[in-house]
């Protein structure tokens, strides 16, 4: 009985570690994409953001 619980715990820990690694990779990709978008010289990202009254922030 105890072995069964341990195997289940190991299995779910393995699944959790795999999901955490996938999520970390997604976060890294998103971060790199946003950084490259923000740092492109031909793209004024700040103009894309707008204030509460929909006015451009310059």
PDB file of N, CA and C in Angstrom:
ATOM      1  N   UNK A   1       0.838  -1.199   0.000  1.00  0.00           N
ATOM      2  CA  UNK A   1       0.000   0.000   0.000  1.00  0.00           C
ATOM      3  C   UNK A   1       0.877   1.255   0.000  1.00  0.00           C
ATOM      4  N   UNK A   2       1.868   1.278   0.874  1.00  0.00           N
ATOM      5  CA  UNK A   2       2.758   2.427   0.969  1.00  0.00           C
ATOM      6  C   UNK A   2       3.563   2.629  -0.318  1.00  0.00           C
ATOM      7  N   UNK A   3       3.972   1.501  -0.951  1.00  0.00           N
ATOM      8  CA  UNK A   3       4.699   1.586  -2.221  1.00  0.00           C
ATOM      9  C   UNK A   3       3.833   2.222  -3.296  1.00  0.00           C
ATOM     10  N   UNK A   4       2.548   1.885  -3.289  1.00  0.00           N
ATOM     11  CA  UNK A   4       1.631   2.435  -4.284  1.00  0.00           C
ATOM     12  C   UNK A   4       1.522   3.951  -4.134  1.00  0.00           C
ATOM     13  N   UNK A   5       1.415   4.429  -2.911  1.00  0.00           N
ATOM     14  CA  UNK A   5       1.338   5.873  -2.647  1.00  0.00           C
ATOM     15  C   UNK A   5       2.623   6.550  -3.121  1.00  0.00           C
ATOM     16  N   UNK A   6       3.757   5.951  -2.809  1.00  0.00           N
ATOM     17  CA  UNK A   6       5.045   6.518  -3.200  1.00  0.00           C
ATOM     18  C   UNK A   6       5.161   6.597  -4.714  1.00  0.00           C
ATOM     19  N   UNK A   7       4.737   5.540  -5.408  1.00  0.00           N
ATOM     20  CA  UNK A   7       4.800   5.540  -6.877  1.00  0.00           C
ATOM     21  C   UNK A   7       3.885   6.627  -7.446  1.00  0.00           C
ATOM     22  N   UNK A   8       2.701   6.783  -6.866  1.00  0.00           N
ATOM     23  CA  UNK A   8       1.794   7.831  -7.329  1.00  0.00           C
ATOM     24  C   UNK A   8       2.410   9.210  -7.095  1.00  0.00           C
ATOM     25  N   UNK A   9       2.994   9.405  -5.915  1.00  0.00           N
ATOM     26  CA  UNK A   9       3.637  10.690  -5.612  1.00  0.00           C
ATOM     27  C   UNK A   9       4.760  10.962  -6.597  1.00  0.00           C
ATOM     28  N   UNK A  10       5.575   9.953  -6.880  1.00  0.00           N
ATOM     29  CA  UNK A  10       6.674  10.114  -7.835  1.00  0.00           C
ATOM     30  C   UNK A  10       6.132  10.472  -9.212  1.00  0.00           C
ATOM     31  N   UNK A  11       5.069   9.782  -9.600  1.00  0.00           N
ATOM     32  CA  UNK A  11       4.459  10.023 -10.912  1.00  0.00           C
ATOM     33  C   UNK A  11       3.947  11.466 -11.010  1.00  0.00           C
ATOM     34  N   UNK A  12       3.217  11.912 -10.008  1.00  0.00           N
ATOM     35  CA  UNK A  12       2.672  13.266 -10.054  1.00  0.00           C
ATOM     36  C   UNK A  12       3.767  14.323  -9.922  1.00  0.00           C
ATOM     37  N   UNK A  13       4.805  14.031  -9.139  1.00  0.00           N
ATOM     38  CA  UNK A  13       5.941  14.957  -9.059  1.00  0.00           C
ATOM     39  C   UNK A  13       6.636  15.083 -10.407  1.00  0.00           C
ATOM     40  N   UNK A  14       6.760  13.970 -11.113  1.00  0.00           N
ATOM     41  CA  UNK A  14       7.370  13.987 -12.438  1.00  0.00           C
ATOM     42  C   UNK A  14       6.530  14.828 -13.405  1.00  0.00           C
ATOM     43  N   UNK A  15       5.223  14.634 -13.353  1.00  0.00           N
ATOM     44  CA  UNK A  15       4.323  15.421 -14.208  1.00  0.00           C
ATOM     45  C   UNK A  15       4.430  16.900 -13.856  1.00  0.00           C
ATOM     46  N   UNK A  16       4.450  17.231 -12.579  1.00  0.00           N
ATOM     47  CA  UNK A  16       4.549  18.621 -12.141  1.00  0.00           C
ATOM     48  C   UNK A  16       5.863  19.255 -12.599  1.00  0.00           C
ATOM     49  N   UNK A  17       6.965  18.519 -12.462  1.00  0.00           N
ATOM     50  CA  UNK A  17       8.272  19.040 -12.913  1.00  0.00           C
ATOM     51  C   UNK A  17       8.261  19.289 -14.417  1.00  0.00           C
ATOM     52  N   UNK A  18       7.661  18.381 -15.163  1.00  0.00           N
ATOM     53  CA  UNK A  18       7.594  18.536 -16.619  1.00  0.00           C
ATOM     54  C   UNK A  18       6.767  19.773 -16.986  1.00  0.00           C
ATOM     55  N   UNK A  19       5.620  19.951 -16.334  1.00  0.00           N
ATOM     56  CA  UNK A  19       4.764  21.115 -16.588  1.00  0.00           C
ATOM     57  C   UNK A  19       5.484  22.407 -16.219  1.00  0.00           C
ATOM     58  N   UNK A  20       6.180  22.413 -15.074  1.00  0.00           N
ATOM     59  CA  UNK A  20       6.922  23.605 -14.654  1.00  0.00           C
ATOM     60  C   UNK A  20       7.997  23.949 -15.669  1.00  0.00           C
ATOM     61  N   UNK A  21       8.676  22.940 -16.207  1.00  0.00           N
ATOM     62  CA  UNK A  21       9.713  23.182 -17.219  1.00  0.00           C
ATOM     63  C   UNK A  21       9.086  23.749 -18.496  1.00  0.00           C
ATOM     64  N   UNK A  22       7.942  23.206 -18.904  1.00  0.00           N
ATOM     65  CA  UNK A  22       7.248  23.719 -20.087  1.00  0.00           C
ATOM     66  C   UNK A  22       6.822  25.172 -19.879  1.00  0.00           C
ATOM     67  N   UNK A  23       6.277  25.468 -18.705  1.00  0.00           N
ATOM     68  CA  UNK A  23       5.830  26.829 -18.413  1.00  0.00           C
ATOM     69  C   UNK A  23       7.013  27.795 -18.378  1.00  0.00           C
ATOM     70  N   UNK A  24       8.125  27.361 -17.821  1.00  0.00           N
ATOM     71  CA  UNK A  24       9.318  28.207 -17.781  1.00  0.00           C
ATOM     72  C   UNK A  24       9.807  28.504 -19.197  1.00  0.00           C
ATOM     73  N   UNK A  25       9.770  27.497 -20.057  1.00  0.00           N
ATOM     74  CA  UNK A  25      10.185  27.701 -21.450  1.00  0.00           C
ATOM     75  C   UNK A  25       9.249  28.693 -22.146  1.00  0.00           C
ATOM     76  N   UNK A  26       7.942  28.570 -21.900  1.00  0.00           N
ATOM     77  CA  UNK A  26       6.982  29.517 -22.483  1.00  0.00           C
ATOM     78  C   UNK A  26       7.239  30.929 -21.985  1.00  0.00           C
ATOM     79  N   UNK A  27       7.514  31.071 -20.678  1.00  0.00           N
ATOM     80  CA  UNK A  27       7.819  32.393 -20.120  1.00  0.00           C
ATOM     81  C   UNK A  27       9.073  32.977 -20.764  1.00  0.00           C
ATOM     82  N   UNK A  28      10.093  32.140 -20.957  1.00  0.00           N
ATOM     83  CA  UNK A  28      11.342  32.599 -21.566  1.00  0.00           C
ATOM     84  C   UNK A  28      11.101  33.053 -23.004  1.00  0.00           C
ATOM     85  N   UNK A  29      10.324  32.271 -23.747  1.00  0.00           N
ATOM     86  CA  UNK A  29      10.019  32.637 -25.133  1.00  0.00           C
ATOM     87  C   UNK A  29       9.252  33.954 -25.192  1.00  0.00           C
ATOM     88  N   UNK A  30       8.274  34.110 -24.308  1.00  0.00           N
ATOM     89  CA  UNK A  30       7.479  35.334 -24.278  1.00  0.00           C
ATOM     90  C   UNK A  30       8.365  36.524 -23.920  1.00  0.00           C
ATOM     91  N   UNK A  31       9.225  36.334 -22.936  1.00  0.00           N
ATOM     92  CA  UNK A  31      10.122  37.411 -22.523  1.00  0.00           C
ATOM     93  C   UNK A  31      11.033  37.816 -23.670  1.00  0.00           C
ATOM     94  N   UNK A  32      11.622  36.832 -24.364  1.00  0.00           N
ATOM     95  CA  UNK A  32      12.500  37.141 -25.494  1.00  0.00           C
ATOM     96  C   UNK A  32      11.730  37.856 -26.602  1.00  0.00           C
ATOM     97  N   UNK A  33      10.508  37.397 -26.879  1.00  0.00           N
ATOM     98  CA  UNK A  33       9.699  38.019 -27.932  1.00  0.00           C
ATOM     99  C   UNK A  33       9.376  39.463 -27.582  1.00  0.00           C
ATOM    100  N   UNK A  34       8.962  39.704 -26.339  1.00  0.00           N
ATOM    101  CA  UNK A  34       8.627  41.064 -25.922  1.00  0.00           C
ATOM    102  C   UNK A  34       9.859  41.965 -25.925  1.00  0.00           C
ATOM    103  N   UNK A  35      10.987  41.425 -25.480  1.00  0.00           N
ATOM    104  CA  UNK A  35      12.214  42.231 -25.487  1.00  0.00           C
ATOM    105  C   UNK A  35      12.618  42.587 -26.907  1.00  0.00           C
ATOM    106  N   UNK A  36      12.519  41.627 -27.820  1.00  0.00           N
ATOM    107  CA  UNK A  36      12.910  41.932 -29.195  1.00  0.00           C
ATOM    108  C   UNK A  36      11.927  42.913 -29.830  1.00  0.00           C
ATOM    109  N   UNK A  37      10.654  42.778 -29.511  1.00  0.00           N
ATOM    110  CA  UNK A  37       9.651  43.712 -30.023  1.00  0.00           C
ATOM    111  C   UNK A  37       9.921  45.115 -29.485  1.00  0.00           C
ATOM    112  N   UNK A  38      10.237  45.205 -28.222  1.00  0.00           N
ATOM    113  CA  UNK A  38      10.460  46.504 -27.592  1.00  0.00           C
ATOM    114  C   UNK A  38      11.739  47.161 -28.106  1.00  0.00           C
ATOM    115  N   UNK A  39      12.739  46.352 -28.406  1.00  0.00           N
ATOM    116  CA  UNK A  39      14.041  46.891 -28.799  1.00  0.00           C
ATOM    117  C   UNK A  39      14.201  47.112 -30.295  1.00  0.00           C
ATOM    118  N   UNK A  40      13.182  46.796 -31.076  1.00  0.00           N
ATOM    119  CA  UNK A  40      13.294  47.042 -32.523  1.00  0.00           C
ATOM    120  C   UNK A  40      13.340  48.543 -32.771  1.00  0.00           C
ATOM    121  N   UNK A  41      14.342  49.031 -33.504  1.00  0.00           N
ATOM    122  CA  UNK A  41      14.491  50.471 -33.694  1.00  0.00           C
ATOM    123  C   UNK A  41      13.381  51.090 -34.550  1.00  0.00           C
ATOM    124  N   UNK A  42      12.773  50.296 -35.424  1.00  0.00           N
ATOM    125  CA  UNK A  42      11.750  50.841 -36.313  1.00  0.00           C
ATOM    126  C   UNK A  42      10.353  50.782 -35.701  1.00  0.00           C
ATOM    127  N   UNK A  43      10.261  50.412 -34.457  1.00  0.00           N
ATOM    128  CA  UNK A  43       8.955  50.197 -33.854  1.00  0.00           C
ATOM    129  C   UNK A  43       8.861  50.999 -32.558  1.00  0.00           C
ATOM    130  N   UNK A  44       8.089  52.046 -32.568  1.00  0.00           N
ATOM    131  CA  UNK A  44       7.925  52.842 -31.356  1.00  0.00           C
ATOM    132  C   UNK A  44       6.833  52.210 -30.508  1.00  0.00           C
ATOM    133  N   UNK A  45       7.237  51.295 -29.646  1.00  0.00           N
ATOM    134  CA  UNK A  45       6.291  50.518 -28.839  1.00  0.00           C
ATOM    135  C   UNK A  45       5.483  51.414 -27.911  1.00  0.00           C
ATOM    136  N   UNK A  46       6.120  52.475 -27.407  1.00  0.00           N
ATOM    137  CA  UNK A  46       5.444  53.319 -26.428  1.00  0.00           C
ATOM    138  C   UNK A  46       4.168  53.911 -27.023  1.00  0.00           C
ATOM    139  N   UNK A  47       4.161  54.191 -28.321  1.00  0.00           N
ATOM    140  CA  UNK A  47       2.957  54.753 -28.928  1.00  0.00           C
ATOM    141  C   UNK A  47       1.812  53.742 -28.949  1.00  0.00           C
ATOM    142  N   UNK A  48       2.129  52.467 -28.817  1.00  0.00           N
ATOM    143  CA  UNK A  48       1.080  51.445 -28.815  1.00  0.00           C
ATOM    144  C   UNK A  48       0.306  51.443 -27.498  1.00  0.00           C
ATOM    145  N   UNK A  49       0.942  51.893 -26.439  1.00  0.00           N
ATOM    146  CA  UNK A  49       0.285  51.915 -25.137  1.00  0.00           C
ATOM    147  C   UNK A  49      -0.536  53.192 -25.012  1.00  0.00           C
ATOM    148  N   UNK A  50      -1.681  53.075 -24.435  1.00  0.00           N
ATOM    149  CA  UNK A  50      -2.564  54.227 -24.317  1.00  0.00           C
ATOM    150  C   UNK A  50      -2.989  54.395 -22.860  1.00  0.00           C
ATOM    151  N   UNK A  51      -3.312  55.628 -22.485  1.00  0.00           N
ATOM    152  CA  UNK A  51      -3.722  55.912 -21.118  1.00  0.00           C
ATOM    153  C   UNK A  51      -5.186  55.587 -20.892  1.00  0.00           C
ATOM    154  N   UNK A  52      -5.697  55.964 -19.736  1.00  0.00           N
ATOM    155  CA  UNK A  52      -7.073  55.660 -19.357  1.00  0.00           C
ATOM    156  C   UNK A  52      -8.097  56.265 -20.308  1.00  0.00           C
ATOM    157  N   UNK A  53      -7.809  57.476 -20.802  1.00  0.00           N
ATOM    158  CA  UNK A  53      -8.763  58.155 -21.679  1.00  0.00           C
ATOM    159  C   UNK A  53      -8.463  57.907 -23.151  1.00  0.00           C
ATOM    160  N   UNK A  54      -7.722  56.839 -23.430  1.00  0.00           N
ATOM    161  CA  UNK A  54      -7.381  56.421 -24.778  1.00  0.00           C
ATOM    162  C   UNK A  54      -6.475  57.424 -25.487  1.00  0.00           C
ATOM    163  N   UNK A  55      -5.797  58.295 -24.729  1.00  0.00           N
ATOM    164  CA  UNK A  55      -4.867  59.225 -25.359  1.00  0.00           C
ATOM    165  C   UNK A  55      -3.517  58.536 -25.508  1.00  0.00           C
ATOM    166  N   UNK A  56      -2.779  58.935 -26.510  1.00  0.00           N
ATOM    167  CA  UNK A  56      -1.455  58.356 -26.709  1.00  0.00           C
ATOM    168  C   UNK A  56      -0.524  58.849 -25.624  1.00  0.00           C
ATOM    169  N   UNK A  57       0.329  57.963 -25.172  1.00  0.00           N
ATOM    170  CA  UNK A  57       1.363  58.340 -24.222  1.00  0.00           C
ATOM    171  C   UNK A  57       2.643  58.506 -25.025  1.00  0.00           C
ATOM    172  N   UNK A  58       3.237  59.672 -24.948  1.00  0.00           N
ATOM    173  CA  UNK A  58       4.453  59.883 -25.734  1.00  0.00           C
ATOM    174  C   UNK A  58       5.656  60.103 -24.854  1.00  0.00           C
TER     175      UNK A  58
END
